[in-house]
């Protein structure tokens, strides 16, 4: 395997993974140059997002008797840290062996959040084809924290589009999900997947899943190990190339997103031109964003998302690649 990462957004720009004949192919969406990442059409390719990934309803929360209003950068809600979240800043970087550590100081008041927050993201590539990502944060004031990596994967190859995605099978270790309203803001209800079309406890072909659902953008509540530590999150497989990816994490949720908001080639949408001139289209990739539950700061029945001074937020996720 081979990975390339830049310090703008601590962003994974390339991830070359072998297929069953040993040939390497790039399996993540992205751009050939920095202009692409700086452009308005960049849908969070490969980056670290925060302070709070996903959504905060109405961009508002209460903490220690005070009301805080964070940036509304998606209509009536706050998404992925605001207009200039962690994905749009330059991180300091330090390379040591097979590890690179990115650091960023988010100052008090940035995007409306309280407290100075020092965040780190350390990527490590192991000899057995594991990409290990450790994220951490400390704060000078109580503040919500929920970091994630927002890589778009296509194990058929980043240029293979929706045709390649439909060939995948997907399995997610969850029997519940957080119900959302029409803007994908959690209602506070945690629903059973049961025998719904979103139930992926048994591996299912994405062609059938997308046909039945029209696309998924939901937080799955992971069935976690009782003893803590890392839990199996999901497994994506592309039988034609032989590639598979297993994800393990210590987080309670994962956002499974089937790239529903990338441009639709059947409409008049302007297509995103990515690496090597590839056109990136609707449902031409998927994201598996390990995370706390969305809008957790506004729901007492969700896992706590407040980081207090003297404590450290930690988040580990391992992407293990292999060949059938």
C-alpha atoms as a PDB file:
ATOM      1  CA  UNK A   1       0.000   0.000   0.000  1.00  0.00           C
ATOM      2  CA  UNK A   2       0.924   3.625  -0.409  1.00  0.00           C
ATOM      3  CA  UNK A   3      -0.735   6.718   1.012  1.00  0.00           C
ATOM      4  CA  UNK A   4      -0.321  10.434   0.307  1.00  0.00           C
ATOM      5  CA  UNK A   5      -1.568  13.070   2.760  1.00  0.00           C
ATOM      6  CA  UNK A   6      -1.357  16.868   2.675  1.00  0.00           C
ATOM      7  CA  UNK A   7      -1.467  19.280   5.589  1.00  0.00           C
ATOM      8  CA  UNK A   8      -4.418  21.245   4.182  1.00  0.00           C
ATOM      9  CA  UNK A   9      -7.214  19.662   6.195  1.00  0.00           C
ATOM     10  CA  UNK A  10      -4.897  16.743   7.113  1.00  0.00           C
ATOM     11  CA  UNK A  11      -6.330  15.287   3.914  1.00  0.00           C
ATOM     12  CA  UNK A  12      -5.768  11.853   2.383  1.00  0.00           C
ATOM     13  CA  UNK A  13      -5.231  12.572  -1.315  1.00  0.00           C
ATOM     14  CA  UNK A  14      -4.231   9.126  -2.591  1.00  0.00           C
ATOM     15  CA  UNK A  15      -4.485   5.589  -1.265  1.00  0.00           C
ATOM     16  CA  UNK A  16      -3.052   2.920  -3.535  1.00  0.00           C
ATOM     17  CA  UNK A  17      -4.190  -0.588  -2.623  1.00  0.00           C
ATOM     18  CA  UNK A  18      -3.376  -3.888  -4.383  1.00  0.00           C
ATOM     19  CA  UNK A  19      -6.025  -6.028  -6.057  1.00  0.00           C
ATOM     20  CA  UNK A  20      -5.981  -9.800  -6.552  1.00  0.00           C
ATOM     21  CA  UNK A  21      -3.263  -9.701  -9.228  1.00  0.00           C
ATOM     22  CA  UNK A  22      -1.099  -7.413  -7.080  1.00  0.00           C
ATOM     23  CA  UNK A  23      -1.685  -4.295  -9.205  1.00  0.00           C
ATOM     24  CA  UNK A  24      -2.002  -1.096  -7.178  1.00  0.00           C
ATOM     25  CA  UNK A  25      -4.913   1.261  -7.750  1.00  0.00           C
ATOM     26  CA  UNK A  26      -5.989   4.491  -6.084  1.00  0.00           C
ATOM     27  CA  UNK A  27      -9.251   3.861  -4.189  1.00  0.00           C
ATOM     28  CA  UNK A  28     -10.066   7.328  -2.791  1.00  0.00           C
ATOM     29  CA  UNK A  29     -11.607  10.352  -4.503  1.00  0.00           C
ATOM     30  CA  UNK A  30      -9.677  13.612  -4.630  1.00  0.00           C
ATOM     31  CA  UNK A  31      -7.933  16.226  -6.762  1.00  0.00           C
ATOM     32  CA  UNK A  32      -4.601  16.461  -8.567  1.00  0.00           C
ATOM     33  CA  UNK A  33      -3.734  19.891  -7.128  1.00  0.00           C
ATOM     34  CA  UNK A  34      -4.423  22.204  -4.210  1.00  0.00           C
ATOM     35  CA  UNK A  35      -6.777  24.350  -6.296  1.00  0.00           C
ATOM     36  CA  UNK A  36      -9.249  21.474  -6.341  1.00  0.00           C
ATOM     37  CA  UNK A  37      -9.225  21.174  -2.563  1.00  0.00           C
ATOM     38  CA  UNK A  38      -9.605  24.936  -2.156  1.00  0.00           C
ATOM     39  CA  UNK A  39     -12.522  25.087  -4.594  1.00  0.00           C
ATOM     40  CA  UNK A  40     -16.172  25.354  -3.651  1.00  0.00           C
ATOM     41  CA  UNK A  41     -16.972  22.005  -5.303  1.00  0.00           C
ATOM     42  CA  UNK A  42     -14.832  20.037  -2.826  1.00  0.00           C
ATOM     43  CA  UNK A  43     -17.310  17.880  -0.831  1.00  0.00           C
ATOM     44  CA  UNK A  44     -14.876  17.205   2.072  1.00  0.00           C
ATOM     45  CA  UNK A  45     -12.695  14.753   0.135  1.00  0.00           C
ATOM     46  CA  UNK A  46     -10.357  12.864   2.490  1.00  0.00           C
ATOM     47  CA  UNK A  47     -10.131  15.458   5.260  1.00  0.00           C
ATOM     48  CA  UNK A  48     -10.465  15.650   9.029  1.00  0.00           C
ATOM     49  CA  UNK A  49     -13.664  17.517   9.939  1.00  0.00           C
ATOM     50  CA  UNK A  50     -14.431  19.284  13.220  1.00  0.00           C
ATOM     51  CA  UNK A  51     -14.732  20.661  15.840  1.00  0.00           C
ATOM     52  CA  UNK A  52     -18.000  18.808  15.449  1.00  0.00           C
ATOM     53  CA  UNK A  53     -18.464  16.482  12.503  1.00  0.00           C
ATOM     54  CA  UNK A  54     -21.908  16.031  11.014  1.00  0.00           C
ATOM     55  CA  UNK A  55     -24.794  18.294  12.027  1.00  0.00           C
ATOM     56  CA  UNK A  56     -25.784  20.593  14.891  1.00  0.00           C
ATOM     57  CA  UNK A  57     -29.469  21.434  14.578  1.00  0.00           C
ATOM     58  CA  UNK A  58     -30.170  25.180  14.247  1.00  0.00           C
ATOM     59  CA  UNK A  59     -26.467  25.767  14.944  1.00  0.00           C
ATOM     60  CA  UNK A  60     -27.262  26.139  18.623  1.00  0.00           C
ATOM     61  CA  UNK A  61     -26.541  24.392  21.904  1.00  0.00           C
ATOM     62  CA  UNK A  62     -26.543  25.177  25.638  1.00  0.00           C
ATOM     63  CA  UNK A  63     -23.549  24.544  27.845  1.00  0.00           C
ATOM     64  CA  UNK A  64     -23.147  25.444  31.526  1.00  0.00           C
ATOM     65  CA  UNK A  65     -26.108  27.798  31.386  1.00  0.00           C
ATOM     66  CA  UNK A  66     -24.952  29.665  28.286  1.00  0.00           C
ATOM     67  CA  UNK A  67     -26.342  29.549  24.776  1.00  0.00           C
ATOM     68  CA  UNK A  68     -23.846  29.139  21.963  1.00  0.00           C
ATOM     69  CA  UNK A  69     -24.554  29.799  18.302  1.00  0.00           C
ATOM     70  CA  UNK A  70     -22.168  28.274  15.782  1.00  0.00           C
ATOM     71  CA  UNK A  71     -21.978  29.067  12.082  1.00  0.00           C
ATOM     72  CA  UNK A  72     -24.966  28.109   9.943  1.00  0.00           C
ATOM     73  CA  UNK A  73     -23.183  26.931   6.808  1.00  0.00           C
ATOM     74  CA  UNK A  74     -25.955  24.645   5.476  1.00  0.00           C
ATOM     75  CA  UNK A  75     -29.256  26.470   5.505  1.00  0.00           C
ATOM     76  CA  UNK A  76     -30.641  26.211   9.025  1.00  0.00           C
ATOM     77  CA  UNK A  77     -27.945  23.955  10.492  1.00  0.00           C
ATOM     78  CA  UNK A  78     -24.218  23.694  11.192  1.00  0.00           C
ATOM     79  CA  UNK A  79     -22.294  21.061   9.211  1.00  0.00           C
ATOM     80  CA  UNK A  80     -18.788  19.620   9.714  1.00  0.00           C
ATOM     81  CA  UNK A  81     -17.389  22.469  11.800  1.00  0.00           C
ATOM     82  CA  UNK A  82     -18.734  25.456   9.882  1.00  0.00           C
ATOM     83  CA  UNK A  83     -17.572  27.659   7.021  1.00  0.00           C
ATOM     84  CA  UNK A  84     -13.910  27.192   7.936  1.00  0.00           C
ATOM     85  CA  UNK A  85     -13.749  23.963   9.860  1.00  0.00           C
ATOM     86  CA  UNK A  86     -10.692  21.794  10.396  1.00  0.00           C
ATOM     87  CA  UNK A  87     -10.946  20.637   6.775  1.00  0.00           C
ATOM     88  CA  UNK A  88     -10.085  24.144   5.503  1.00  0.00           C
ATOM     89  CA  UNK A  89      -7.043  25.028   7.608  1.00  0.00           C
ATOM     90  CA  UNK A  90      -3.324  24.299   7.399  1.00  0.00           C
ATOM     91  CA  UNK A  91      -2.155  21.861  10.046  1.00  0.00           C
ATOM     92  CA  UNK A  92       1.405  21.620  11.335  1.00  0.00           C
ATOM     93  CA  UNK A  93       2.975  18.297  10.386  1.00  0.00           C
ATOM     94  CA  UNK A  94       5.721  16.039  11.694  1.00  0.00           C
ATOM     95  CA  UNK A  95       6.902  12.864   9.944  1.00  0.00           C
ATOM     96  CA  UNK A  96       8.588  10.053  11.825  1.00  0.00           C
ATOM     97  CA  UNK A  97       9.117   6.699  10.144  1.00  0.00           C
ATOM     98  CA  UNK A  98       5.790   5.339   8.947  1.00  0.00           C
ATOM     99  CA  UNK A  99       3.798   7.961  10.899  1.00  0.00           C
ATOM    100  CA  UNK A 100       2.783  11.541  10.214  1.00  0.00           C
ATOM    101  CA  UNK A 101       1.252  13.684  12.948  1.00  0.00           C
ATOM    102  CA  UNK A 102      -0.806  16.782  12.142  1.00  0.00           C
ATOM    103  CA  UNK A 103      -1.561  19.436  14.787  1.00  0.00           C
ATOM    104  CA  UNK A 104      -3.878  22.440  14.793  1.00  0.00           C
ATOM    105  CA  UNK A 105      -4.808  25.043  17.418  1.00  0.00           C
ATOM    106  CA  UNK A 106      -8.444  26.085  17.174  1.00  0.00           C
ATOM    107  CA  UNK A 107      -8.851  29.357  19.040  1.00  0.00           C
ATOM    108  CA  UNK A 108     -11.722  30.325  21.319  1.00  0.00           C
ATOM    109  CA  UNK A 109     -14.632  31.708  19.321  1.00  0.00           C
ATOM    110  CA  UNK A 110     -13.658  30.003  16.071  1.00  0.00           C
ATOM    111  CA  UNK A 111     -16.929  29.274  14.240  1.00  0.00           C
ATOM    112  CA  UNK A 112     -18.681  30.171  17.518  1.00  0.00           C
ATOM    113  CA  UNK A 113     -17.192  27.421  19.720  1.00  0.00           C
ATOM    114  CA  UNK A 114     -15.920  28.084  23.267  1.00  0.00           C
ATOM    115  CA  UNK A 115     -12.362  27.466  24.424  1.00  0.00           C
ATOM    116  CA  UNK A 116      -8.975  27.022  22.785  1.00  0.00           C
ATOM    117  CA  UNK A 117      -8.703  23.470  21.445  1.00  0.00           C
ATOM    118  CA  UNK A 118      -5.488  21.718  20.414  1.00  0.00           C
ATOM    119  CA  UNK A 119      -6.174  18.814  18.060  1.00  0.00           C
ATOM    120  CA  UNK A 120      -3.921  16.139  16.610  1.00  0.00           C
ATOM    121  CA  UNK A 121      -4.411  13.551  13.893  1.00  0.00           C
ATOM    122  CA  UNK A 122      -1.776  10.860  13.491  1.00  0.00           C
ATOM    123  CA  UNK A 123      -1.802   8.594  10.438  1.00  0.00           C
ATOM    124  CA  UNK A 124       0.234   5.387  10.453  1.00  0.00           C
ATOM    125  CA  UNK A 125       0.602   2.816   7.676  1.00  0.00           C
ATOM    126  CA  UNK A 126       1.528  -0.659   8.903  1.00  0.00           C
ATOM    127  CA  UNK A 127       3.329  -3.443   7.059  1.00  0.00           C
ATOM    128  CA  UNK A 128       0.153  -5.564   7.062  1.00  0.00           C
ATOM    129  CA  UNK A 129      -1.909  -3.016   5.099  1.00  0.00           C
ATOM    130  CA  UNK A 130      -3.564  -1.240   8.008  1.00  0.00           C
ATOM    131  CA  UNK A 131      -4.128   2.496   7.941  1.00  0.00           C
ATOM    132  CA  UNK A 132      -4.321   3.582  11.587  1.00  0.00           C
ATOM    133  CA  UNK A 133      -5.718   7.011  12.440  1.00  0.00           C
ATOM    134  CA  UNK A 134      -5.544   8.395  15.984  1.00  0.00           C
ATOM    135  CA  UNK A 135      -7.306  11.698  16.698  1.00  0.00           C
ATOM    136  CA  UNK A 136      -7.087  13.589  19.995  1.00  0.00           C
ATOM    137  CA  UNK A 137      -8.027  16.959  21.471  1.00  0.00           C
ATOM    138  CA  UNK A 138      -7.665  18.999  24.667  1.00  0.00           C
ATOM    139  CA  UNK A 139      -9.551  22.184  25.533  1.00  0.00           C
ATOM    140  CA  UNK A 140      -9.325  25.178  27.870  1.00  0.00           C
ATOM    141  CA  UNK A 141     -13.136  25.325  28.286  1.00  0.00           C
ATOM    142  CA  UNK A 142     -15.986  22.811  28.064  1.00  0.00           C
ATOM    143  CA  UNK A 143     -16.767  22.382  24.371  1.00  0.00           C
ATOM    144  CA  UNK A 144     -18.351  19.771  22.100  1.00  0.00           C
ATOM    145  CA  UNK A 145     -15.884  17.650  20.108  1.00  0.00           C
ATOM    146  CA  UNK A 146     -16.623  15.041  17.461  1.00  0.00           C
ATOM    147  CA  UNK A 147     -13.866  14.476  14.904  1.00  0.00           C
ATOM    148  CA  UNK A 148     -13.956  12.172  11.909  1.00  0.00           C
ATOM    149  CA  UNK A 149     -12.208  11.451   8.647  1.00  0.00           C
ATOM    150  CA  UNK A 150     -14.311  12.102   5.543  1.00  0.00           C
ATOM    151  CA  UNK A 151     -12.633   9.947   2.889  1.00  0.00           C
ATOM    152  CA  UNK A 152     -14.707   8.862  -0.110  1.00  0.00           C
ATOM    153  CA  UNK A 153     -13.868   5.258  -1.033  1.00  0.00           C
ATOM    154  CA  UNK A 154     -14.406   3.251  -4.186  1.00  0.00           C
ATOM    155  CA  UNK A 155     -12.576  -0.083  -3.918  1.00  0.00           C
ATOM    156  CA  UNK A 156     -13.065  -0.657  -7.644  1.00  0.00           C
ATOM    157  CA  UNK A 157     -10.844   2.384  -8.211  1.00  0.00           C
ATOM    158  CA  UNK A 158     -11.535   6.072  -7.777  1.00  0.00           C
ATOM    159  CA  UNK A 159     -12.443   6.479 -11.470  1.00  0.00           C
ATOM    160  CA  UNK A 160     -14.962   3.602 -11.626  1.00  0.00           C
ATOM    161  CA  UNK A 161     -17.930   5.689 -10.455  1.00  0.00           C
ATOM    162  CA  UNK A 162     -21.376   4.370  -9.666  1.00  0.00           C
ATOM    163  CA  UNK A 163     -20.884   1.210 -11.729  1.00  0.00           C
ATOM    164  CA  UNK A 164     -18.019   0.201  -9.451  1.00  0.00           C
ATOM    165  CA  UNK A 165     -19.932   1.081  -6.280  1.00  0.00           C
ATOM    166  CA  UNK A 166     -22.939  -1.030  -7.257  1.00  0.00           C
ATOM    167  CA  UNK A 167     -20.648  -4.076  -7.409  1.00  0.00           C
ATOM    168  CA  UNK A 168     -19.652  -3.750  -3.724  1.00  0.00           C
ATOM    169  CA  UNK A 169     -21.104  -5.635  -0.797  1.00  0.00           C
ATOM    170  CA  UNK A 170     -21.450  -3.828   2.546  1.00  0.00           C
ATOM    171  CA  UNK A 171     -21.804  -5.061   6.107  1.00  0.00           C
ATOM    172  CA  UNK A 172     -22.251  -2.762   9.138  1.00  0.00           C
ATOM    173  CA  UNK A 173     -22.259  -3.976  12.751  1.00  0.00           C
ATOM    174  CA  UNK A 174     -25.402  -2.170  13.897  1.00  0.00           C
ATOM    175  CA  UNK A 175     -29.010  -3.058  14.569  1.00  0.00           C
ATOM    176  CA  UNK A 176     -30.140   0.525  15.331  1.00  0.00           C
ATOM    177  CA  UNK A 177     -29.804   3.982  13.795  1.00  0.00           C
ATOM    178  CA  UNK A 178     -30.581   7.563  14.769  1.00  0.00           C
ATOM    179  CA  UNK A 179     -33.811   8.752  13.177  1.00  0.00           C
ATOM    180  CA  UNK A 180     -33.582  12.091  11.317  1.00  0.00           C
ATOM    181  CA  UNK A 181     -35.927  14.741   9.961  1.00  0.00           C
ATOM    182  CA  UNK A 182     -36.088  16.114   6.400  1.00  0.00           C
ATOM    183  CA  UNK A 183     -32.793  18.015   6.929  1.00  0.00           C
ATOM    184  CA  UNK A 184     -31.032  14.932   8.345  1.00  0.00           C
ATOM    185  CA  UNK A 185     -31.102  16.407  11.865  1.00  0.00           C
ATOM    186  CA  UNK A 186     -31.615  13.712  14.524  1.00  0.00           C
ATOM    187  CA  UNK A 187     -35.044  13.706  16.159  1.00  0.00           C
ATOM    188  CA  UNK A 188     -33.596  12.057  19.283  1.00  0.00           C
ATOM    189  CA  UNK A 189     -35.243   8.725  18.501  1.00  0.00           C
ATOM    190  CA  UNK A 190     -33.077   5.635  18.134  1.00  0.00           C
ATOM    191  CA  UNK A 191     -34.798   3.172  15.801  1.00  0.00           C
ATOM    192  CA  UNK A 192     -34.326  -0.517  15.154  1.00  0.00           C
ATOM    193  CA  UNK A 193     -33.154  -1.393  11.662  1.00  0.00           C
ATOM    194  CA  UNK A 194     -35.116  -4.646  11.841  1.00  0.00           C
ATOM    195  CA  UNK A 195     -35.712  -5.972   8.352  1.00  0.00           C
ATOM    196  CA  UNK A 196     -35.529  -2.531   6.735  1.00  0.00           C
ATOM    197  CA  UNK A 197     -33.645  -1.882   3.524  1.00  0.00           C
ATOM    198  CA  UNK A 198     -30.925  -0.137   5.582  1.00  0.00           C
ATOM    199  CA  UNK A 199     -30.210  -3.242   7.660  1.00  0.00           C
ATOM    200  CA  UNK A 200     -26.663  -4.295   6.742  1.00  0.00           C
ATOM    201  CA  UNK A 201     -25.854  -6.737   9.524  1.00  0.00           C
ATOM    202  CA  UNK A 202     -25.698  -9.384   6.818  1.00  0.00           C
ATOM    203  CA  UNK A 203     -23.587  -8.296   3.799  1.00  0.00           C
ATOM    204  CA  UNK A 204     -25.706  -6.944   0.980  1.00  0.00           C
ATOM    205  CA  UNK A 205     -24.908  -5.893  -2.580  1.00  0.00           C
ATOM    206  CA  UNK A 206     -25.016  -2.106  -2.849  1.00  0.00           C
ATOM    207  CA  UNK A 207     -26.878  -2.291  -6.158  1.00  0.00           C
ATOM    208  CA  UNK A 208     -29.826  -3.792  -4.271  1.00  0.00           C
ATOM    209  CA  UNK A 209     -29.463  -1.424  -1.296  1.00  0.00           C
ATOM    210  CA  UNK A 210     -29.371   1.743  -3.400  1.00  0.00           C
ATOM    211  CA  UNK A 211     -32.235   0.541  -5.569  1.00  0.00           C
ATOM    212  CA  UNK A 212     -34.372  -0.028  -2.476  1.00  0.00           C
ATOM    213  CA  UNK A 213     -33.402   3.089  -0.494  1.00  0.00           C
ATOM    214  CA  UNK A 214     -32.422   5.646  -3.127  1.00  0.00           C
ATOM    215  CA  UNK A 215     -29.274   6.288  -1.091  1.00  0.00           C
ATOM    216  CA  UNK A 216     -28.178   6.265   2.544  1.00  0.00           C
ATOM    217  CA  UNK A 217     -26.855   9.094   4.734  1.00  0.00           C
ATOM    218  CA  UNK A 218     -27.496   7.854   8.274  1.00  0.00           C
ATOM    219  CA  UNK A 219     -25.717   7.300  11.563  1.00  0.00           C
ATOM    220  CA  UNK A 220     -25.597   3.625  12.486  1.00  0.00           C
ATOM    221  CA  UNK A 221     -25.400   2.888  16.235  1.00  0.00           C
ATOM    222  CA  UNK A 222     -22.613   0.353  16.550  1.00  0.00           C
ATOM    223  CA  UNK A 223     -23.064  -2.850  18.556  1.00  0.00           C
ATOM    224  CA  UNK A 224     -20.048  -2.272  20.776  1.00  0.00           C
ATOM    225  CA  UNK A 225     -17.991  -4.758  22.754  1.00  0.00           C
ATOM    226  CA  UNK A 226     -18.951  -4.738  26.438  1.00  0.00           C
ATOM    227  CA  UNK A 227     -15.294  -4.597  27.484  1.00  0.00           C
ATOM    228  CA  UNK A 228     -14.590  -1.422  25.474  1.00  0.00           C
ATOM    229  CA  UNK A 229     -11.662  -0.960  23.129  1.00  0.00           C
ATOM    230  CA  UNK A 230     -11.936  -1.357  19.379  1.00  0.00           C
ATOM    231  CA  UNK A 231     -15.062  -2.820  17.819  1.00  0.00           C
ATOM    232  CA  UNK A 232     -15.685  -4.130  14.319  1.00  0.00           C
ATOM    233  CA  UNK A 233     -17.565  -1.382  12.487  1.00  0.00           C
ATOM    234  CA  UNK A 234     -17.996  -2.378   8.859  1.00  0.00           C
ATOM    235  CA  UNK A 235     -16.675  -4.401   5.957  1.00  0.00           C
ATOM    236  CA  UNK A 236     -16.819  -3.308   2.315  1.00  0.00           C
ATOM    237  CA  UNK A 237     -15.898  -5.802  -0.406  1.00  0.00           C
ATOM    238  CA  UNK A 238     -15.410  -5.430  -4.155  1.00  0.00           C
ATOM    239  CA  UNK A 239     -15.466  -9.028  -5.459  1.00  0.00           C
ATOM    240  CA  UNK A 240     -14.332  -8.155  -8.998  1.00  0.00           C
ATOM    241  CA  UNK A 241     -10.989  -6.705  -7.865  1.00  0.00           C
ATOM    242  CA  UNK A 242     -10.809  -8.852  -4.744  1.00  0.00           C
ATOM    243  CA  UNK A 243     -10.266  -5.824  -2.500  1.00  0.00           C
ATOM    244  CA  UNK A 244     -11.920  -5.559   0.881  1.00  0.00           C
ATOM    245  CA  UNK A 245     -11.724  -3.020   3.688  1.00  0.00           C
ATOM    246  CA  UNK A 246     -12.560  -3.723   7.327  1.00  0.00           C
ATOM    247  CA  UNK A 247     -12.988  -0.857   9.793  1.00  0.00           C
ATOM    248  CA  UNK A 248     -12.468  -1.040  13.561  1.00  0.00           C
ATOM    249  CA  UNK A 249     -12.984   1.863  15.967  1.00  0.00           C
ATOM    250  CA  UNK A 250     -13.736   2.915  19.547  1.00  0.00           C
ATOM    251  CA  UNK A 251     -16.555   5.258  18.505  1.00  0.00           C
ATOM    252  CA  UNK A 252     -20.271   4.595  19.146  1.00  0.00           C
ATOM    253  CA  UNK A 253     -21.471   5.437  15.639  1.00  0.00           C
ATOM    254  CA  UNK A 254     -20.608   5.474  11.952  1.00  0.00           C
ATOM    255  CA  UNK A 255     -22.140   7.644   9.251  1.00  0.00           C
ATOM    256  CA  UNK A 256     -22.708   5.536   6.160  1.00  0.00           C
ATOM    257  CA  UNK A 257     -22.986   7.972   3.268  1.00  0.00           C
ATOM    258  CA  UNK A 258     -23.427   6.855  -0.332  1.00  0.00           C
ATOM    259  CA  UNK A 259     -22.343  10.174  -1.901  1.00  0.00           C
ATOM    260  CA  UNK A 260     -25.912  11.186  -2.690  1.00  0.00           C
ATOM    261  CA  UNK A 261     -25.007  14.870  -3.029  1.00  0.00           C
ATOM    262  CA  UNK A 262     -22.279  14.488  -5.632  1.00  0.00           C
ATOM    263  CA  UNK A 263     -23.397  15.764  -9.069  1.00  0.00           C
ATOM    264  CA  UNK A 264     -26.052  13.749 -10.858  1.00  0.00           C
ATOM    265  CA  UNK A 265     -24.967  13.116 -14.475  1.00  0.00           C
ATOM    266  CA  UNK A 266     -28.603  12.677 -15.513  1.00  0.00           C
ATOM    267  CA  UNK A 267     -29.335  16.292 -14.526  1.00  0.00           C
ATOM    268  CA  UNK A 268     -27.711  19.605 -15.415  1.00  0.00           C
ATOM    269  CA  UNK A 269     -25.355  19.446 -12.419  1.00  0.00           C
ATOM    270  CA  UNK A 270     -21.775  20.535 -13.063  1.00  0.00           C
ATOM    271  CA  UNK A 271     -19.638  17.438 -12.671  1.00  0.00           C
ATOM    272  CA  UNK A 272     -16.685  17.356 -10.279  1.00  0.00           C
ATOM    273  CA  UNK A 273     -13.472  16.745 -12.204  1.00  0.00           C
ATOM    274  CA  UNK A 274     -11.052  14.878  -9.954  1.00  0.00           C
ATOM    275  CA  UNK A 275      -7.719  13.080 -10.260  1.00  0.00           C
ATOM    276  CA  UNK A 276      -6.575  12.160 -13.760  1.00  0.00           C
ATOM    277  CA  UNK A 277      -9.638  13.900 -15.219  1.00  0.00           C
ATOM    278  CA  UNK A 278     -12.081  11.494 -13.574  1.00  0.00           C
ATOM    279  CA  UNK A 279     -15.685  12.642 -13.269  1.00  0.00           C
ATOM    280  CA  UNK A 280     -17.033  12.096  -9.761  1.00  0.00           C
ATOM    281  CA  UNK A 281     -20.782  11.525  -9.749  1.00  0.00           C
ATOM    282  CA  UNK A 282     -23.685  10.824  -7.454  1.00  0.00           C
ATOM    283  CA  UNK A 283     -23.291   7.511  -5.602  1.00  0.00           C
ATOM    284  CA  UNK A 284     -19.879   6.990  -7.173  1.00  0.00           C
ATOM    285  CA  UNK A 285     -18.267   6.446  -3.747  1.00  0.00           C
ATOM    286  CA  UNK A 286     -19.125   5.808  -0.116  1.00  0.00           C
ATOM    287  CA  UNK A 287     -17.989   7.207   3.235  1.00  0.00           C
ATOM    288  CA  UNK A 288     -17.828   5.355   6.538  1.00  0.00           C
ATOM    289  CA  UNK A 289     -17.294   8.136   9.074  1.00  0.00           C
ATOM    290  CA  UNK A 290     -16.680   6.791  12.589  1.00  0.00           C
ATOM    291  CA  UNK A 291     -18.103   9.294  15.056  1.00  0.00           C
ATOM    292  CA  UNK A 292     -20.221  10.179  18.052  1.00  0.00           C
ATOM    293  CA  UNK A 293     -23.920  10.491  17.229  1.00  0.00           C
ATOM    294  CA  UNK A 294     -24.826  13.611  15.194  1.00  0.00           C
ATOM    295  CA  UNK A 295     -26.178  16.584  17.189  1.00  0.00           C
ATOM    296  CA  UNK A 296     -25.264  14.754  20.407  1.00  0.00           C
ATOM    297  CA  UNK A 297     -24.825  18.076  22.206  1.00  0.00           C
ATOM    298  CA  UNK A 298     -28.603  18.597  21.943  1.00  0.00           C
ATOM    299  CA  UNK A 299     -29.782  15.109  22.969  1.00  0.00           C
ATOM    300  CA  UNK A 300     -29.275  13.874  26.516  1.00  0.00           C
ATOM    301  CA  UNK A 301     -29.924  10.259  25.466  1.00  0.00           C
ATOM    302  CA  UNK A 302     -26.973  10.308  23.029  1.00  0.00           C
ATOM    303  CA  UNK A 303     -23.370   9.609  24.103  1.00  0.00           C
ATOM    304  CA  UNK A 304     -21.709  12.616  25.736  1.00  0.00           C
ATOM    305  CA  UNK A 305     -19.823  14.874  23.314  1.00  0.00           C
ATOM    306  CA  UNK A 306     -18.512  17.506  25.776  1.00  0.00           C
ATOM    307  CA  UNK A 307     -14.769  17.724  26.317  1.00  0.00           C
ATOM    308  CA  UNK A 308     -13.844  19.335  29.649  1.00  0.00           C
ATOM    309  CA  UNK A 309     -10.505  20.909  30.633  1.00  0.00           C
ATOM    310  CA  UNK A 310      -8.121  18.364  32.116  1.00  0.00           C
ATOM    311  CA  UNK A 311      -9.483  15.554  29.942  1.00  0.00           C
ATOM    312  CA  UNK A 312      -8.433  14.296  26.503  1.00  0.00           C
ATOM    313  CA  UNK A 313     -10.730  13.394  23.640  1.00  0.00           C
ATOM    314  CA  UNK A 314      -9.450  10.312  21.819  1.00  0.00           C
ATOM    315  CA  UNK A 315     -10.666   8.554  18.703  1.00  0.00           C
ATOM    316  CA  UNK A 316      -8.971   5.605  17.006  1.00  0.00           C
ATOM    317  CA  UNK A 317     -10.021   4.065  13.707  1.00  0.00           C
ATOM    318  CA  UNK A 318      -8.248   1.331  11.769  1.00  0.00           C
ATOM    319  CA  UNK A 319      -8.849   0.659   8.083  1.00  0.00           C
ATOM    320  CA  UNK A 320      -7.577  -2.837   7.287  1.00  0.00           C
ATOM    321  CA  UNK A 321      -7.227  -3.600   3.578  1.00  0.00           C
ATOM    322  CA  UNK A 322      -6.878  -7.051   2.092  1.00  0.00           C
ATOM    323  CA  UNK A 323      -7.515  -9.236  -0.920  1.00  0.00           C
ATOM    324  CA  UNK A 324     -10.003 -12.090  -1.162  1.00  0.00           C
END
